[in-house]
Structures are given as structure tokens and as C-alpha cells.
C-alpha atoms as a PDB file:
ATOM      1  CA  MET A   1      81.626  77.617 111.065  1.00  0.00           C
ATOM      2  CA  PRO A   2      83.937  76.502 108.186  1.00  0.00           C
ATOM      3  CA  ARG A   3      86.535  78.999 107.040  1.00  0.00           C
ATOM      4  CA  THR A   4      85.611  80.956 103.922  1.00  0.00           C
ATOM      5  CA  VAL A   5      87.734  79.939 100.937  1.00  0.00           C
ATOM      6  CA  ILE A   6      87.580  81.801  97.624  1.00  0.00           C
ATOM      7  CA  GLY A   7      88.893  80.202  94.462  1.00  0.00           C
ATOM      8  CA  CYS A   8      90.078  82.809  91.986  1.00  0.00           C
ATOM      9  CA  ASP A   9      90.764  82.086  88.326  1.00  0.00           C
ATOM     10  CA  LEU A  10      92.710  84.947  86.757  1.00  0.00           C
ATOM     11  CA  SER A  11      92.698  86.233  83.232  1.00  0.00           C
ATOM     12  CA  ARG A  12      93.887  89.575  81.912  1.00  0.00           C
ATOM     13  CA  ALA A  13      90.300  90.839  81.753  1.00  0.00           C
ATOM     14  CA  VAL A  14      88.481  89.473  84.822  1.00  0.00           C
ATOM     15  CA  LEU A  15      88.773  87.433  88.016  1.00  0.00           C
ATOM     16  CA  ASP A  16      86.302  84.547  88.196  1.00  0.00           C
ATOM     17  CA  LEU A  17      85.470  83.841  91.846  1.00  0.00           C
ATOM     18  CA  HIS A  18      83.923  80.870  93.643  1.00  0.00           C
ATOM     19  CA  ARG A  19      83.195  81.143  97.376  1.00  0.00           C
ATOM     20  CA  LEU A  20      82.902  78.175  99.721  1.00  0.00           C
ATOM     21  CA  PRO A  21      81.030  76.993 101.696  1.00  0.00           C
ATOM     22  CA  THR A  22      78.239  79.110 100.140  1.00  0.00           C
ATOM     23  CA  GLY A  23      79.016  78.203  96.508  1.00  0.00           C
ATOM     24  CA  VAL A  24      78.405  81.777  95.336  1.00  0.00           C
ATOM     25  CA  THR A  25      80.128  82.738  92.063  1.00  0.00           C
ATOM     26  CA  SER A  26      80.987  86.222  90.814  1.00  0.00           C
ATOM     27  CA  GLN A  27      83.358  88.207  88.630  1.00  0.00           C
ATOM     28  CA  VAL A  28      85.617  91.193  89.287  1.00  0.00           C
ATOM     29  CA  PRO A  29      87.415  93.195  86.574  1.00  0.00           C
ATOM     30  CA  ASN A  30      91.171  92.595  86.672  1.00  0.00           C
ATOM     31  CA  GLU A  31      91.873  96.261  87.361  1.00  0.00           C
ATOM     32  CA  PRO A  32      93.619  97.666  90.470  1.00  0.00           C
ATOM     33  CA  ASP A  33      90.700  99.825  91.643  1.00  0.00           C
ATOM     34  CA  ALA A  34      88.112  97.060  91.216  1.00  0.00           C
ATOM     35  CA  ILE A  35      90.314  94.497  92.934  1.00  0.00           C
ATOM     36  CA  THR A  36      91.061  96.851  95.823  1.00  0.00           C
ATOM     37  CA  ALA A  37      87.343  97.485  96.337  1.00  0.00           C
ATOM     38  CA  TRP A  38      86.561  93.755  96.276  1.00  0.00           C
ATOM     39  CA  VAL A  39      89.360  92.872  98.700  1.00  0.00           C
ATOM     40  CA  ALA A  40      88.164  95.586 101.083  1.00  0.00           C
ATOM     41  CA  SER A  41      84.811  93.780 101.315  1.00  0.00           C
ATOM     42  CA  LEU A  42      86.349  90.443 102.410  1.00  0.00           C
ATOM     43  CA  GLU A  43      86.243  89.146 105.981  1.00  0.00           C
ATOM     44  CA  PRO A  44      89.573  88.973 107.877  1.00  0.00           C
ATOM     45  CA  ASP A  45      89.782  85.151 108.088  1.00  0.00           C
ATOM     46  CA  VAL A  46      89.250  84.452 104.368  1.00  0.00           C
ATOM     47  CA  LEU A  47      91.670  82.356 102.296  1.00  0.00           C
ATOM     48  CA  VAL A  48      92.054  83.249  98.608  1.00  0.00           C
ATOM     49  CA  VAL A  49      93.472  80.532  96.338  1.00  0.00           C
ATOM     50  CA  PHE A  50      94.744  81.201  92.821  1.00  0.00           C
ATOM     51  CA  GLU A  51      97.289  79.814  90.375  1.00  0.00           C
ATOM     52  CA  ALA A  52     100.727  81.274  89.834  1.00  0.00           C
ATOM     53  CA  THR A  53      99.949  82.871  86.480  1.00  0.00           C
ATOM     54  CA  SER A  54     102.754  85.206  85.530  1.00  0.00           C
ATOM     55  CA  GLY A  55     101.721  88.746  84.666  1.00  0.00           C
ATOM     56  CA  CYS A  56      98.078  88.568  85.766  1.00  0.00           C
ATOM     57  CA  ASP A  57      98.176  88.438  89.548  1.00  0.00           C
ATOM     58  CA  GLY A  58     100.211  91.513  90.517  1.00  0.00           C
ATOM     59  CA  PRO A  59      97.284  93.802  91.498  1.00  0.00           C
ATOM     60  CA  LEU A  60      95.556  90.950  93.364  1.00  0.00           C
ATOM     61  CA  ILE A  61      98.669  90.103  95.401  1.00  0.00           C
ATOM     62  CA  ALA A  62      99.264  93.784  96.199  1.00  0.00           C
ATOM     63  CA  ALA A  63      95.683  94.293  97.417  1.00  0.00           C
ATOM     64  CA  LEU A  64      95.651  91.129  99.541  1.00  0.00           C
ATOM     65  CA  ALA A  65      99.036  91.951 101.067  1.00  0.00           C
ATOM     66  CA  GLU A  66      97.930  95.507 101.825  1.00  0.00           C
ATOM     67  CA  ARG A  67      95.000  94.201 103.891  1.00  0.00           C
ATOM     68  CA  GLY A  68      97.009  91.379 105.412  1.00  0.00           C
ATOM     69  CA  LEU A  69      94.686  88.655 104.080  1.00  0.00           C
ATOM     70  CA  ALA A  70      95.864  85.060 103.655  1.00  0.00           C
ATOM     71  CA  PHE A  71      96.312  83.719 100.150  1.00  0.00           C
ATOM     72  CA  SER A  72      97.878  80.666  98.528  1.00  0.00           C
ATOM     73  CA  ARG A  73      99.535  81.043  95.119  1.00  0.00           C
ATOM     74  CA  THR A  74      99.440  77.441  93.930  1.00  0.00           C
ATOM     75  CA  ASN A  75     101.270  75.552  91.216  1.00  0.00           C
ATOM     76  CA  PRO A  76      99.002  75.210  88.129  1.00  0.00           C
ATOM     77  CA  ARG A  77     100.056  71.574  87.772  1.00  0.00           C
ATOM     78  CA  GLN A  78      98.831  70.813  91.293  1.00  0.00           C
ATOM     79  CA  ALA A  79      95.480  72.424  90.538  1.00  0.00           C
ATOM     80  CA  ARG A  80      95.092  70.449  87.320  1.00  0.00           C
ATOM     81  CA  GLU A  81      95.970  67.163  89.003  1.00  0.00           C
ATOM     82  CA  PHE A  82      93.528  67.916  91.831  1.00  0.00           C
ATOM     83  CA  ALA A  83      90.800  68.532  89.253  1.00  0.00           C
ATOM     84  CA  ARG A  84      91.481  65.203  87.536  1.00  0.00           C
ATOM     85  CA  ALA A  85      91.560  63.385  90.881  1.00  0.00           C
ATOM     86  CA  THR A  86      88.097  64.735  91.700  1.00  0.00           C
ATOM     87  CA  GLY A  87      86.719  63.802  88.268  1.00  0.00           C
ATOM     88  CA  VAL A  88      86.641  67.325  86.833  1.00  0.00           C
ATOM     89  CA  LEU A  89      87.714  67.226  83.191  1.00  0.00           C
ATOM     90  CA  ALA A  90      86.126  70.424  81.887  1.00  0.00           C
ATOM     91  CA  ARG A  91      88.272  73.551  81.589  1.00  0.00           C
ATOM     92  CA  THR A  92      86.442  76.854  81.942  1.00  0.00           C
ATOM     93  CA  ASP A  93      87.230  79.870  84.087  1.00  0.00           C
ATOM     94  CA  ARG A  94      84.255  79.217  86.388  1.00  0.00           C
ATOM     95  CA  VAL A  95      85.120  75.539  86.735  1.00  0.00           C
ATOM     96  CA  ASP A  96      88.746  76.357  87.521  1.00  0.00           C
ATOM     97  CA  ALA A  97      87.666  78.844  90.203  1.00  0.00           C
ATOM     98  CA  ARG A  98      85.497  76.160  91.814  1.00  0.00           C
ATOM     99  CA  VAL A  99      88.337  73.634  91.747  1.00  0.00           C
ATOM    100  CA  LEU A 100      90.695  76.117  93.401  1.00  0.00           C
ATOM    101  CA  ALA A 101      88.151  76.799  96.141  1.00  0.00           C
ATOM    102  CA  GLN A 102      87.753  73.071  96.751  1.00  0.00           C
ATOM    103  CA  MET A 103      91.525  72.661  96.947  1.00  0.00           C
ATOM    104  CA  GLY A 104      91.726  75.329  99.613  1.00  0.00           C
ATOM    105  CA  SER A 105      88.900  73.692 101.553  1.00  0.00           C
ATOM    106  CA  VAL A 106      90.259  70.140 101.691  1.00  0.00           C
ATOM    107  CA  LEU A 107      94.043  70.549 101.406  1.00  0.00           C
ATOM    108  CA  ASP A 108      96.457  72.207 103.799  1.00  0.00           C
ATOM    109  CA  LEU A 109      97.806  74.640 101.226  1.00  0.00           C
ATOM    110  CA  PRO A 110     100.844  76.697 102.234  1.00  0.00           C
ATOM    111  CA  ILE A 111     100.144  80.360 102.840  1.00  0.00           C
ATOM    112  CA  THR A 112     102.121  82.505 100.418  1.00  0.00           C
ATOM    113  CA  VAL A 113     104.375  85.139 101.966  1.00  0.00           C
ATOM    114  CA  PRO A 114     104.095  88.277  99.816  1.00  0.00           C
ATOM    115  CA  SER A 115     107.321  89.688  98.453  1.00  0.00           C
ATOM    116  CA  SER A 116     108.448  93.247  99.077  1.00  0.00           C
ATOM    117  CA  PRO A 117     107.970  95.832  96.293  1.00  0.00           C
ATOM    118  CA  ALA A 118     111.731  95.864  95.715  1.00  0.00           C
ATOM    119  CA  ARG A 119     111.824  92.097  95.309  1.00  0.00           C
ATOM    120  CA  ASN A 120     108.866  92.207  92.913  1.00  0.00           C
ATOM    121  CA  ARG A 121     110.651  94.865  90.881  1.00  0.00           C
ATOM    122  CA  LEU A 122     113.790  92.733  90.842  1.00  0.00           C
ATOM    123  CA  SER A 123     111.780  89.754  89.586  1.00  0.00           C
ATOM    124  CA  ASP A 124     110.385  91.876  86.735  1.00  0.00           C
ATOM    125  CA  PHE A 125     113.887  92.968  85.694  1.00  0.00           C
ATOM    126  CA  LEU A 126     115.082  89.355  85.763  1.00  0.00           C
ATOM    127  CA  ARG A 127     112.159  88.206  83.624  1.00  0.00           C
ATOM    128  CA  ARG A 128     112.954  90.863  81.032  1.00  0.00           C
ATOM    129  CA  ARG A 129     116.643  89.938  81.102  1.00  0.00           C
ATOM    130  CA  ARG A 130     115.797  86.287  80.403  1.00  0.00           C
ATOM    131  CA  GLN A 131     113.629  87.348  77.467  1.00  0.00           C
ATOM    132  CA  LEU A 132     116.465  89.354  75.921  1.00  0.00           C
ATOM    133  CA  VAL A 133     118.986  86.563  76.506  1.00  0.00           C
ATOM    134  CA  ASP A 134     116.665  84.096  74.744  1.00  0.00           C
ATOM    135  CA  ILE A 135     116.208  86.482  71.798  1.00  0.00           C
ATOM    136  CA  ARG A 136     119.974  87.006  71.535  1.00  0.00           C
ATOM    137  CA  LYS A 137     120.563  83.260  71.598  1.00  0.00           C
ATOM    138  CA  ALA A 138     118.083  82.823  68.735  1.00  0.00           C
ATOM    139  CA  GLU A 139     119.765  85.601  66.733  1.00  0.00           C
ATOM    140  CA  LYS A 140     123.177  83.985  67.192  1.00  0.00           C
ATOM    141  CA  THR A 141     121.753  80.736  65.848  1.00  0.00           C
ATOM    142  CA  ARG A 142     120.327  82.544  62.809  1.00  0.00           C
ATOM    143  CA  ARG A 143     123.708  84.203  62.211  1.00  0.00           C
ATOM    144  CA  HIS A 144     125.220  80.867  61.160  1.00  0.00           C
ATOM    145  CA  ASN A 145     122.947  80.530  58.128  1.00  0.00           C
ATOM    146  CA  ALA A 146     122.232  84.158  57.300  1.00  0.00           C
ATOM    147  CA  GLY A 147     123.191  83.506  53.687  1.00  0.00           C
ATOM    148  CA  GLN A 148     123.700  87.125  52.651  1.00  0.00           C
ATOM    149  CA  ASP A 149     126.215  89.620  54.031  1.00  0.00           C
ATOM    150  CA  GLU A 150     123.518  92.271  54.381  1.00  0.00           C
ATOM    151  CA  ILE A 151     121.395  89.928  56.504  1.00  0.00           C
ATOM    152  CA  ALA A 152     124.411  88.943  58.615  1.00  0.00           C
ATOM    153  CA  ALA A 153     125.131  92.635  59.236  1.00  0.00           C
ATOM    154  CA  GLN A 154     121.551  93.202  60.399  1.00  0.00           C
ATOM    155  CA  ILE A 155     121.778  90.230  62.741  1.00  0.00           C
ATOM    156  CA  ASP A 156     125.100  91.464  64.136  1.00  0.00           C
ATOM    157  CA  ALA A 157     123.526  94.870  64.797  1.00  0.00           C
ATOM    158  CA  MET A 158     120.617  93.226  66.584  1.00  0.00           C
ATOM    159  CA  ILE A 159     122.947  91.097  68.702  1.00  0.00           C
ATOM    160  CA  GLY A 160     124.894  94.224  69.645  1.00  0.00           C
ATOM    161  CA  LEU A 161     121.709  96.054  70.624  1.00  0.00           C
ATOM    162  CA  LEU A 162     120.498  93.140  72.746  1.00  0.00           C
ATOM    163  CA  THR A 163     123.890  92.856  74.443  1.00  0.00           C
ATOM    164  CA  ARG A 164     123.792  96.537  75.388  1.00  0.00           C
ATOM    165  CA  GLN A 165     120.255  96.255  76.731  1.00  0.00           C
ATOM    166  CA  ILE A 166     121.185  93.191  78.796  1.00  0.00           C
ATOM    167  CA  ALA A 167     124.134  95.121  80.240  1.00  0.00           C
ATOM    168  CA  GLU A 168     121.794  98.005  81.128  1.00  0.00           C
ATOM    169  CA  LEU A 169     119.463  95.601  82.919  1.00  0.00           C
ATOM    170  CA  ASP A 170     122.404  94.119  84.816  1.00  0.00           C
ATOM    171  CA  ARG A 171     123.320  97.584  86.047  1.00  0.00           C
ATOM    172  CA  ALA A 172     119.704  98.296  87.007  1.00  0.00           C
ATOM    173  CA  VAL A 173     119.522  95.021  88.945  1.00  0.00           C
ATOM    174  CA  ALA A 174     122.751  95.827  90.796  1.00  0.00           C
ATOM    175  CA  ARG A 175     121.434  99.296  91.729  1.00  0.00           C
ATOM    176  CA  LEU A 176     118.121  97.887  92.916  1.00  0.00           C
ATOM    177  CA  ILE A 177     119.837  95.361  95.189  1.00  0.00           C
ATOM    178  CA  GLU A 178     122.207  97.963  96.576  1.00  0.00           C
ATOM    179  CA  GLU A 179     119.445 100.502  97.315  1.00  0.00           C
ATOM    180  CA  ASP A 180     117.222  98.092  99.277  1.00  0.00           C
ATOM    181  CA  ARG A 181     118.397  97.429 102.841  1.00  0.00           C
ATOM    182  CA  THR A 182     117.175  93.821 103.044  1.00  0.00           C
ATOM    183  CA  LEU A 183     118.380  92.821  99.585  1.00  0.00           C
ATOM    184  CA  SER A 184     121.773  94.461 100.036  1.00  0.00           C
ATOM    185  CA  SER A 185     122.407  92.785 103.408  1.00  0.00           C
ATOM    186  CA  GLN A 186     121.466  89.380 101.985  1.00  0.00           C
ATOM    187  CA  ALA A 187     123.550  90.045  98.875  1.00  0.00           C
ATOM    188  CA  ARG A 188     126.662  90.774 100.943  1.00  0.00           C
ATOM    189  CA  LEU A 189     126.320  87.417 102.683  1.00  0.00           C
ATOM    190  CA  LEU A 190     125.517  85.324  99.623  1.00  0.00           C
ATOM    191  CA  SER A 191     127.962  86.918  97.193  1.00  0.00           C
ATOM    192  CA  ALA A 192     130.884  85.868  99.392  1.00  0.00           C
ATOM    193  CA  VAL A 193     130.068  82.194  98.702  1.00  0.00           C
ATOM    194  CA  PRO A 194     132.091  80.617  95.862  1.00  0.00           C
ATOM    195  CA  GLY A 195     129.890  80.124  92.808  1.00  0.00           C
ATOM    196  CA  ILE A 196     127.373  82.844  93.669  1.00  0.00           C
ATOM    197  CA  GLY A 197     128.035  85.364  90.908  1.00  0.00           C
ATOM    198  CA  PRO A 198     125.888  88.407  90.044  1.00  0.00           C
ATOM    199  CA  THR A 199     123.324  86.553  87.898  1.00  0.00           C
ATOM    200  CA  VAL A 200     122.921  83.637  90.319  1.00  0.00           C
ATOM    201  CA  LEU A 201     122.697  86.088  93.233  1.00  0.00           C
ATOM    202  CA  ALA A 202     119.979  88.159  91.558  1.00  0.00           C
ATOM    203  CA  THR A 203     118.020  84.999  90.681  1.00  0.00           C
ATOM    204  CA  LEU A 204     118.072  83.773  94.286  1.00  0.00           C
ATOM    205  CA  LEU A 205     117.027  87.153  95.678  1.00  0.00           C
ATOM    206  CA  GLY A 206     114.319  87.783  93.100  1.00  0.00           C
ATOM    207  CA  GLU A 207     112.927  84.308  92.432  1.00  0.00           C
ATOM    208  CA  LEU A 208     113.290  82.594  95.815  1.00  0.00           C
ATOM    209  CA  PRO A 209     112.035  85.032  98.490  1.00  0.00           C
ATOM    210  CA  GLU A 210     111.128  82.042 100.697  1.00  0.00           C
ATOM    211  CA  LEU A 211     114.796  81.581 101.624  1.00  0.00           C
ATOM    212  CA  LYS A 212     115.146  81.422 105.440  1.00  0.00           C
ATOM    213  CA  THR A 213     111.364  81.081 105.891  1.00  0.00           C
ATOM    214  CA  LEU A 214     110.897  77.351 105.128  1.00  0.00           C
ATOM    215  CA  ASP A 215     112.477  74.139 106.389  1.00  0.00           C
ATOM    216  CA  ARG A 216     115.217  72.514 104.315  1.00  0.00           C
ATOM    217  CA  ARG A 217     112.929  69.945 102.669  1.00  0.00           C
ATOM    218  CA  ARG A 218     110.312  72.454 101.557  1.00  0.00           C
ATOM    219  CA  ILE A 219     112.845  74.970 100.264  1.00  0.00           C
ATOM    220  CA  ALA A 220     114.611  72.204  98.286  1.00  0.00           C
ATOM    221  CA  SER A 221     111.286  71.124  96.791  1.00  0.00           C
ATOM    222  CA  LEU A 222     110.435  74.721  95.914  1.00  0.00           C
ATOM    223  CA  ALA A 223     113.767  75.060  94.114  1.00  0.00           C
ATOM    224  CA  GLY A 224     113.168  71.808  92.222  1.00  0.00           C
ATOM    225  CA  LEU A 225     116.085  70.027  93.904  1.00  0.00           C
ATOM    226  CA  ALA A 226     114.214  67.482  96.020  1.00  0.00           C
ATOM    227  CA  PRO A 227     114.390  63.891  94.701  1.00  0.00           C
ATOM    228  CA  HIS A 228     110.995  62.159  94.607  1.00  0.00           C
ATOM    229  CA  ALA A 229     110.609  58.437  95.209  1.00  0.00           C
ATOM    230  CA  ARG A 230     109.280  56.100  92.477  1.00  0.00           C
ATOM    231  CA  GLU A 231     108.209  52.836  94.105  1.00  0.00           C
ATOM    232  CA  SER A 232     105.498  50.224  93.623  1.00  0.00           C
ATOM    233  CA  GLY A 233     105.374  46.962  95.558  1.00  0.00           C
ATOM    234  CA  THR A 234     108.863  45.486  95.506  1.00  0.00           C
ATOM    235  CA  TRP A 235     109.938  47.673  92.584  1.00  0.00           C
ATOM    236  CA  ARG A 236     112.257  50.557  93.427  1.00  0.00           C
ATOM    237  CA  GLY A 237     112.838  53.101  90.699  1.00  0.00           C
ATOM    238  CA  ALA A 238     115.505  55.780  90.666  1.00  0.00           C
ATOM    239  CA  ARG A 239     114.546  58.931  92.528  1.00  0.00           C
ATOM    240  CA  ARG A 240     114.163  61.925  90.259  1.00  0.00           C
ATOM    241  CA  ILE A 241     113.753  65.653  90.680  1.00  0.00           C
ATOM    242  CA  TRP A 242     110.843  67.433  89.006  1.00  0.00           C
ATOM    243  CA  GLY A 243     108.715  70.509  89.496  1.00  0.00           C
ATOM    244  CA  GLY A 244     109.867  73.564  91.390  1.00  0.00           C
ATOM    245  CA  ARG A 245     111.238  76.784  89.948  1.00  0.00           C
ATOM    246  CA  ARG A 246     113.318  75.913  86.925  1.00  0.00           C
ATOM    247  CA  LYS A 247     115.326  79.154  86.812  1.00  0.00           C
ATOM    248  CA  VAL A 248     116.291  78.787  90.474  1.00  0.00           C
ATOM    249  CA  ARG A 249     117.345  75.176  89.917  1.00  0.00           C
ATOM    250  CA  GLU A 250     119.428  76.146  86.883  1.00  0.00           C
ATOM    251  CA  ALA A 251     121.122  78.975  88.801  1.00  0.00           C
ATOM    252  CA  LEU A 252     122.004  76.736  91.756  1.00  0.00           C
ATOM    253  CA  THR A 253     123.279  74.011  89.442  1.00  0.00           C
ATOM    254  CA  ILE A 254     125.632  76.504  87.794  1.00  0.00           C
ATOM    255  CA  ALA A 255     126.804  77.712  91.209  1.00  0.00           C
ATOM    256  CA  ALA A 256     127.358  74.110  92.351  1.00  0.00           C
ATOM    257  CA  LEU A 257     129.996  73.585  89.646  1.00  0.00           C
ATOM    258  CA  THR A 258     132.278  76.109  91.349  1.00  0.00           C
ATOM    259  CA  ALA A 259     131.159  75.437  94.927  1.00  0.00           C
ATOM    260  CA  SER A 260     131.966  71.717  94.615  1.00  0.00           C
ATOM    261  CA  ARG A 261     135.605  72.636  93.948  1.00  0.00           C
ATOM    262  CA  ARG A 262     136.073  75.388  96.546  1.00  0.00           C
ATOM    263  CA  ILE A 263     133.866  74.741  99.598  1.00  0.00           C
ATOM    264  CA  PRO A 264     135.492  71.966 101.673  1.00  0.00           C
ATOM    265  CA  THR A 265     132.256  70.352 102.861  1.00  0.00           C
ATOM    266  CA  LEU A 266     130.936  70.180  99.302  1.00  0.00           C
ATOM    267  CA  VAL A 267     134.275  68.953  97.966  1.00  0.00           C
ATOM    268  CA  ALA A 268     134.146  66.099 100.493  1.00  0.00           C
ATOM    269  CA  MET A 269     130.535  65.371  99.575  1.00  0.00           C
ATOM    270  CA  ARG A 270     131.378  65.247  95.878  1.00  0.00           C
ATOM    271  CA  ASP A 271     134.336  62.917  96.483  1.00  0.00           C
ATOM    272  CA  ARG A 272     132.281  60.532  98.640  1.00  0.00           C
ATOM    273  CA  MET A 273     129.597  60.267  95.988  1.00  0.00           C
ATOM    274  CA  ARG A 274     132.194  59.676  93.280  1.00  0.00           C
ATOM    275  CA  LEU A 275     133.665  56.791  95.282  1.00  0.00           C
ATOM    276  CA  LYS A 276     130.196  55.269  95.509  1.00  0.00           C
ATOM    277  CA  GLY A 277     129.906  55.398  91.709  1.00  0.00           C
ATOM    278  CA  LYS A 278     127.178  58.030  91.538  1.00  0.00           C
ATOM    279  CA  ALA A 279     126.495  59.636  88.165  1.00  0.00           C
ATOM    280  CA  PRO A 280     127.961  63.138  87.619  1.00  0.00           C
ATOM    281  CA  LYS A 281     124.495  64.674  87.201  1.00  0.00           C
ATOM    282  CA  THR A 282     123.308  63.049  90.448  1.00  0.00           C
ATOM    283  CA  ILE A 283     126.346  64.460  92.251  1.00  0.00           C
ATOM    284  CA  LEU A 284     125.772  67.940  90.826  1.00  0.00           C
ATOM    285  CA  ILE A 285     122.126  67.998  91.908  1.00  0.00           C
ATOM    286  CA  ALA A 286     123.034  66.747  95.394  1.00  0.00           C
ATOM    287  CA  VAL A 287     125.717  69.434  95.726  1.00  0.00           C
ATOM    288  CA  ALA A 288     123.292  72.114  94.499  1.00  0.00           C
ATOM    289  CA  ARG A 289     120.753  71.050  97.111  1.00  0.00           C
ATOM    290  CA  GLN A 290     123.351  71.103  99.894  1.00  0.00           C
ATOM    291  CA  LEU A 291     124.528  74.515  98.688  1.00  0.00           C
ATOM    292  CA  LEU A 292     120.946  75.755  98.977  1.00  0.00           C
ATOM    293  CA  VAL A 293     120.801  74.440 102.563  1.00  0.00           C
ATOM    294  CA  ILE A 294     124.034  76.309 103.349  1.00  0.00           C
ATOM    295  CA  LEU A 295     122.736  79.560 101.853  1.00  0.00           C
ATOM    296  CA  ASP A 296     119.471  79.209 103.763  1.00  0.00           C
ATOM    297  CA  ALA A 297     121.347  78.678 107.045  1.00  0.00           C
ATOM    298  CA  MET A 298     123.510  81.730 106.367  1.00  0.00           C
ATOM    299  CA  LEU A 299     120.479  83.971 105.925  1.00  0.00           C
ATOM    300  CA  ARG A 300     118.808  82.551 109.023  1.00  0.00           C
ATOM    301  CA  SER A 301     121.840  83.224 111.196  1.00  0.00           C
ATOM    302  CA  ALA A 302     122.945  86.368 109.343  1.00  0.00           C
ATOM    303  CA  LYS A 303     126.478  84.992 109.505  1.00  0.00           C
ATOM    304  CA  PRO A 304     128.952  84.414 106.634  1.00  0.00           C
ATOM    305  CA  LEU A 305     130.010  81.010 105.387  1.00  0.00           C
ATOM    306  CA  THR A 306     132.460  79.195 107.664  1.00  0.00           C
ATOM    307  CA  THR A 307     134.660  76.444 106.262  1.00  0.00           C
END
């Protein structure tokens, strides 16, 4: 008998569900108690497929993880491209749930490994920190053309407040990492690597929990550092990176600037690519990807970096 696959389209109010192979549709309120009751009714070998929609899927992930049920948290772009490939152009919650169920039925979707509560909490702190940093950046831009001294003073006060709140979040993130056994042990290993400062470290721990669980190609793709081929017939286009987790890619790129000057293997890699005439951005991305491979190997072996 075919495996049961349930496509789940999330909104803040309800979960629209489509079950295959039966084709039965239903709705569940997006509330912890209702979701827990629904998950308790599912058979053990079910696969639940839903998009990675920030802020809406927390209770669903917690309930599925509690029961040990398999789920795949897919990239929304992949779901949309699958819909177009199958001729589905309409966009409604019920249609999206059906498309997600079909994806799970015909594609070998990766099973998502649920994060620990501490890692989820860390991710929430990081998201809030990014929001405050973006607001502060906008206020600094407005400061240049405030026009009036009174307005400039208000903007300065706001920038000061945001800076203090960001500092408070940084301290909360550091405490959270230190108090969790797994996060603290990984932090001690990673923080010893040149280029891995507090912000980059927190981003890797909170936004890339798959470290040491995937092969080097899949983890590079997840971080948005895998170059994708662009070829047609005899034409060969330049390989480009796209997709993945932008914040993770940005953090690793920042770390690569320092690592490429202080880690001998990466220094040699950078110099070889320079001699071949590679563009600086290409070199930086390649170094960031190799740095990710090194960090992944360190966590797998639980051993510090050796040069």
C-alpha cells in the first residue's frame, strides 16, 4: 500500500490539509491544542510536507517531533516550481496543500531533522536581532537628512535605544549557548577557528542545525554556497550560486575574509585561485564553502582545527 503523504498549507489561522492517496481534504486550526490532537490521530508511517513559512509552523513542528513522525519542511520556491511543472497555476490554500502532497508522493524529499528547543530559541533571538539591526541601519540613513536638530536628536535617541537592545540580545544569545550542553560544546570547537566571531558562531548554531548530519555537497547547497551549472548544448555558462539560507551564506562569507588569511589550507587555496585569474568574489565563495566543509568535519570528529 502506498505511503500516506499529507500536504499541509499553513496560515496563521488554519492548516489546510490534503491526504494522498485518498485525496481527502480537511482543515485544522493553527493552535497548539488542535494541532496536537490532529497529530495524535496520524498513523506512524505518515509523511507531512509543508513549506518553510517563518512564524507559522512552530506548533506543528513541535507536535510532529514529539510523536516522532516524519516531516519535510520544503523550500517555497521548490514547491512553486513543482506546481508550475505540473501545470498548476492557481494559488489557493487548498491547491497548495494538494501540490505539497503530490511533491511528497513523487519526489524523494529530505526528511527534516527537528531542532532542539534551545536551538529554536536561539533562532528566535537571532531573528529579532536582525530586525533591530535593520531598523538601526534605516535610522542611521535617516540621520543624514534629518533637517532639524530636534529630529536629529530623536533619531540619535532611537539609535542609542536600538544599540542597547541589540547588546542585550547578544548577551542573551551568549547565555543560551553557554547553558546548553550541545551548543556550548560545539561553540568551543567552532569559536577557535579564525573568522568565527560571536555573531557568525550564533548564526551557524541557530540557523544551520544540519551541520554534521549531511554530506558536504548537501550542506553546501543548504548554505547557498554550491555553484550550479548553466549549460545547454555546446554552450557553457558560468556556474553561479543561488538559493540556500542567505543569512548563513553571508555569515560564512564574512568569516572567509579572515580565514583566508590565517588558515594555511585556505591561504594556499586562495593563492592558487588568484594565480589562475579567478575573480575575487569567486575566490571568496570558494573559500567560504571550504571553510564550511572544515567546520562540518570538526563537529563530526569533535576535534579542533589542525593546521
